[in-house]
Protein backbone atom coordinates (compact mmCIF):
# COMPACT_ATOMS: atom_id res chain seq x y z
CA MET A 1 -0.04 -0.06 -0.01
CA ALA A 2 1.44 3.30 -1.04
CA ASN A 3 0.05 6.57 0.35
CA ASN A 4 0.63 9.90 -1.39
CA ASP A 5 -1.02 13.06 0.02
CA ARG A 6 -3.80 10.93 1.42
CA ASN A 7 -4.33 9.01 -1.89
CA VAL A 8 -3.87 5.32 -1.43
CA THR A 9 -2.38 3.01 -4.11
CA LEU A 10 -3.15 -0.62 -3.81
CA GLU A 11 -1.43 -3.11 -6.12
CA ASN A 12 -2.33 -6.54 -7.35
CA VAL A 13 -5.80 -6.24 -5.86
CA VAL A 14 -9.01 -8.23 -6.34
CA ILE A 15 -11.94 -6.12 -7.72
CA ALA A 16 -15.37 -7.40 -6.82
CA PHE A 17 -18.96 -6.21 -7.03
CA ARG A 18 -18.41 -4.33 -10.28
CA ASN A 19 -20.96 -1.79 -11.44
CA PHE A 20 -19.02 0.47 -13.73
CA GLU A 21 -22.21 0.87 -15.76
CA GLY A 22 -24.05 2.31 -12.87
CA LYS A 23 -27.12 0.04 -13.19
CA GLU A 24 -29.67 0.16 -10.43
CA ASP A 25 -29.85 -2.94 -8.32
CA LYS A 26 -30.72 -4.05 -4.80
CA TYR A 27 -27.48 -2.37 -3.50
CA ASN A 28 -27.08 0.46 -5.94
CA ARG A 29 -28.88 3.63 -7.18
CA GLU A 30 -29.19 4.26 -10.87
CA GLY A 31 -26.14 6.03 -12.17
CA ASP A 32 -23.88 5.34 -9.23
CA ARG A 33 -20.82 3.68 -10.78
CA ASN A 34 -18.63 1.65 -8.22
CA PHE A 35 -16.77 -1.44 -7.38
CA ALA A 36 -15.25 -2.94 -4.33
CA VAL A 37 -11.59 -3.70 -3.65
CA PHE A 38 -10.78 -6.69 -1.27
CA LEU A 39 -8.25 -5.74 1.40
CA SER A 40 -5.81 -7.73 3.53
CA GLU A 41 -6.30 -7.64 7.33
CA GLU A 42 -3.24 -5.34 7.71
CA ILE A 43 -4.24 -2.89 5.03
CA ALA A 44 -7.84 -2.80 6.29
CA ASP A 45 -6.66 -1.97 9.79
CA LYS A 46 -4.46 0.78 8.63
CA MET A 47 -7.14 2.28 6.30
CA ALA A 48 -9.82 2.14 9.09
CA ALA A 49 -7.49 3.84 11.44
CA ASP A 50 -7.08 6.58 8.86
CA GLY A 51 -10.90 6.99 8.74
CA TRP A 52 -11.63 5.11 5.45
CA ASN A 53 -15.06 3.34 5.34
CA VAL A 54 -13.73 -0.35 5.51
CA LYS A 55 -16.51 -2.89 5.46
CA TYR A 56 -16.55 -6.69 5.91
CA LEU A 57 -18.44 -9.44 4.02
CA ARG A 58 -20.93 -11.41 6.13
CA GLU A 59 -19.46 -14.63 7.23
CA ARG A 60 -21.07 -17.72 5.61
CA GLU A 61 -21.44 -21.13 7.19
CA GLY A 62 -18.07 -23.04 6.80
CA ASP A 63 -15.98 -19.93 6.24
CA GLU A 64 -12.69 -20.16 7.99
CA GLY A 65 -10.68 -17.18 9.22
CA PRO A 66 -11.73 -13.49 9.64
CA PRO A 67 -14.37 -12.04 7.28
CA GLN A 68 -13.06 -10.44 4.05
CA ALA A 69 -12.44 -6.66 4.40
CA TYR A 70 -13.29 -4.46 1.42
CA ILE A 71 -13.70 -0.89 0.49
CA GLN A 72 -16.41 0.50 -1.85
CA VAL A 73 -14.81 2.77 -4.52
CA ALA A 74 -17.00 5.30 -6.23
CA VAL A 75 -16.35 6.04 -10.02
CA SER A 76 -17.33 9.57 -10.85
CA TYR A 77 -16.88 11.67 -13.89
CA LYS A 78 -18.39 14.80 -12.41
CA ILE A 79 -15.29 16.81 -11.31
CA LYS A 80 -12.08 15.00 -12.54
CA PRO A 81 -12.50 11.92 -14.46
CA PRO A 82 -10.51 8.97 -13.45
CA LYS A 83 -7.71 7.41 -15.47
CA ILE A 84 -8.66 3.90 -16.42
CA GLY A 85 -6.09 1.95 -18.47
CA VAL A 86 -6.75 -1.53 -19.83
CA LEU A 87 -3.89 -3.74 -21.03
CA THR A 88 -4.45 -6.41 -23.58
CA SER A 89 -2.43 -8.03 -26.40
CA LYS A 90 -3.25 -5.07 -28.39
CA GLY A 91 -1.54 -2.67 -25.94
CA LEU A 92 -2.68 -0.29 -23.35
CA ARG A 93 -6.00 1.51 -24.05
CA TYR A 94 -7.85 4.16 -21.88
CA TYR A 95 -11.51 3.69 -21.17
CA THR A 96 -13.92 6.66 -21.14
CA GLU A 97 -17.17 7.25 -19.41
CA GLU A 98 -18.99 5.98 -22.47
CA ILE A 99 -17.35 2.62 -22.54
CA VAL A 100 -16.28 2.01 -18.99
CA GLY A 101 -19.38 -0.14 -18.40
CA LEU A 102 -17.64 -2.92 -20.39
CA LEU A 103 -15.40 -3.48 -17.52
CA ASP A 104 -18.44 -5.16 -15.65
CA TRP A 105 -17.87 -8.19 -17.96
CA VAL A 106 -14.22 -8.59 -18.46
CA ASP A 107 -11.98 -11.22 -16.83
CA ILE A 108 -9.31 -9.30 -14.80
CA GLU A 109 -5.93 -10.98 -14.50
CA LEU A 110 -4.23 -8.09 -12.59
CA ALA A 111 -5.46 -4.87 -11.07
CA ASP A 112 -3.79 -1.73 -9.53
CA VAL A 113 -5.85 1.06 -8.11
CA THR A 114 -5.32 4.53 -6.72
CA ILE A 115 -8.10 5.95 -4.65
CA ASN A 116 -8.78 9.46 -3.52
CA PRO A 117 -10.36 10.23 -0.07
CA TYR A 118 -13.37 12.58 0.32
CA GLU A 119 -14.01 13.67 3.78
CA TRP A 120 -17.62 14.13 4.62
CA ALA A 121 -19.83 15.05 7.56
CA VAL A 122 -23.60 14.85 7.59
CA GLY A 123 -26.03 14.96 10.63
CA GLY A 124 -23.20 14.48 13.21
CA LYS A 125 -21.70 11.58 11.28
CA SER A 126 -18.45 11.74 9.37
CA GLY A 127 -16.20 9.51 7.35
CA THR A 128 -14.06 9.15 4.24
CA LYS A 129 -15.48 7.95 0.98
CA ALA A 130 -13.27 6.42 -1.60
CA TYR A 131 -13.30 7.82 -5.11
CA LEU A 132 -11.40 6.34 -8.07
CA SER A 133 -8.31 8.37 -9.15
CA SER A 134 -6.74 5.63 -11.43
CA LEU A 135 -7.31 2.05 -12.23
CA PHE A 136 -5.06 -0.12 -14.42
CA LEU A 137 -6.20 -3.63 -15.51
CA LYS A 138 -4.67 -6.52 -17.29
CA ILE A 139 -7.28 -8.55 -19.03
CA ALA A 140 -7.16 -12.25 -19.18
CA GLU A 141 -7.82 -12.87 -22.84
CA ASP A 142 -9.73 -15.86 -24.23
CA TYR A 143 -7.66 -18.35 -26.53
CA LEU A 144 -10.37 -18.32 -29.26
CA GLN A 145 -10.61 -14.57 -29.14
CA LEU A 146 -6.82 -14.28 -29.70
CA LYS A 147 -6.93 -16.89 -32.45
CA TRP A 148 -9.77 -15.18 -34.33
CA GLU A 149 -8.27 -11.72 -33.89
CA ALA A 150 -4.94 -12.96 -35.38
CA MET A 151 -6.91 -14.47 -38.26
CA ALA A 152 -8.84 -11.33 -38.97
CA GLU A 153 -5.66 -9.33 -38.99
CA GLU A 154 -4.13 -11.75 -41.42
CA SER A 155 -7.21 -11.43 -43.72
CA VAL A 156 -7.10 -7.68 -43.65
CA LYS A 157 -3.29 -7.68 -44.60
CA GLN A 158 -4.25 -10.02 -47.55
CA ILE A 159 -7.12 -7.71 -48.58
CA GLU A 160 -4.90 -4.62 -48.39
CA SER A 161 -2.00 -6.24 -50.36
CA GLY A 162 -4.55 -7.07 -53.12
CA PRO A 163 -4.97 -10.40 -54.87
CA SER A 164 -1.90 -12.03 -56.33
CA ASP A 165 -3.56 -13.62 -59.38
CA VAL A 166 -5.01 -10.46 -60.96
CA ILE A 167 -4.23 -9.95 -64.70
CA GLU A 168 -4.10 -6.44 -65.91
CA GLY A 169 -6.50 -5.61 -68.60
CA GLU A 170 -9.83 -4.22 -69.64
CA TYR A 171 -13.25 -5.27 -68.53
CA TRP A 172 -15.80 -5.13 -71.38
CA VAL A 173 -19.52 -4.92 -70.70
CA ASP A 174 -22.17 -5.40 -73.30
CA GLN A 175 -24.39 -2.33 -73.12
CA LYS A 176 -27.58 -4.39 -74.07
CA GLU A 177 -26.85 -6.85 -71.26
CA LEU A 178 -26.35 -4.05 -68.80
CA GLU A 179 -29.69 -2.40 -69.75
CA ALA A 180 -31.49 -5.73 -69.57
CA ALA A 181 -30.08 -6.28 -66.07
CA LYS A 182 -31.65 -3.03 -64.74
């Protein structure tokens, strides 16, 4: 865990409960984009001591060890948009607000995140809400997807280079046949 000016950077984390699209459901209002980051006990204790809103999953029967700690991270584009980089075999691409909802469905191989604290106080209660500053993901790509993308790239290269068996010449059309075809 790195901490710069109260921002917290967490590397190689597990992202859970993704709602980058902002869909309304049992636990979410329409338009609220967010996700959770699972925390180790040590990091959860440090963040809770600093005032972050650390939560714990409910224990299930048969679970061993302490309950899983996590922090809910809001994804907001209202003031300063977050940087969201996605790495695939095609390279690093940045996701905008218009396409960030696609992250709800990808298989994440590796994730690093920097969260920005927002201090709040309402009705005698106060806390620190986590907002996304930056998120970088490596996507686990599907074998068939990679195979078909490679074949598609090869097809495009063949089309761009043109057919190899074309003989230069003129193409003659019988005017009567052309008019009959109309």
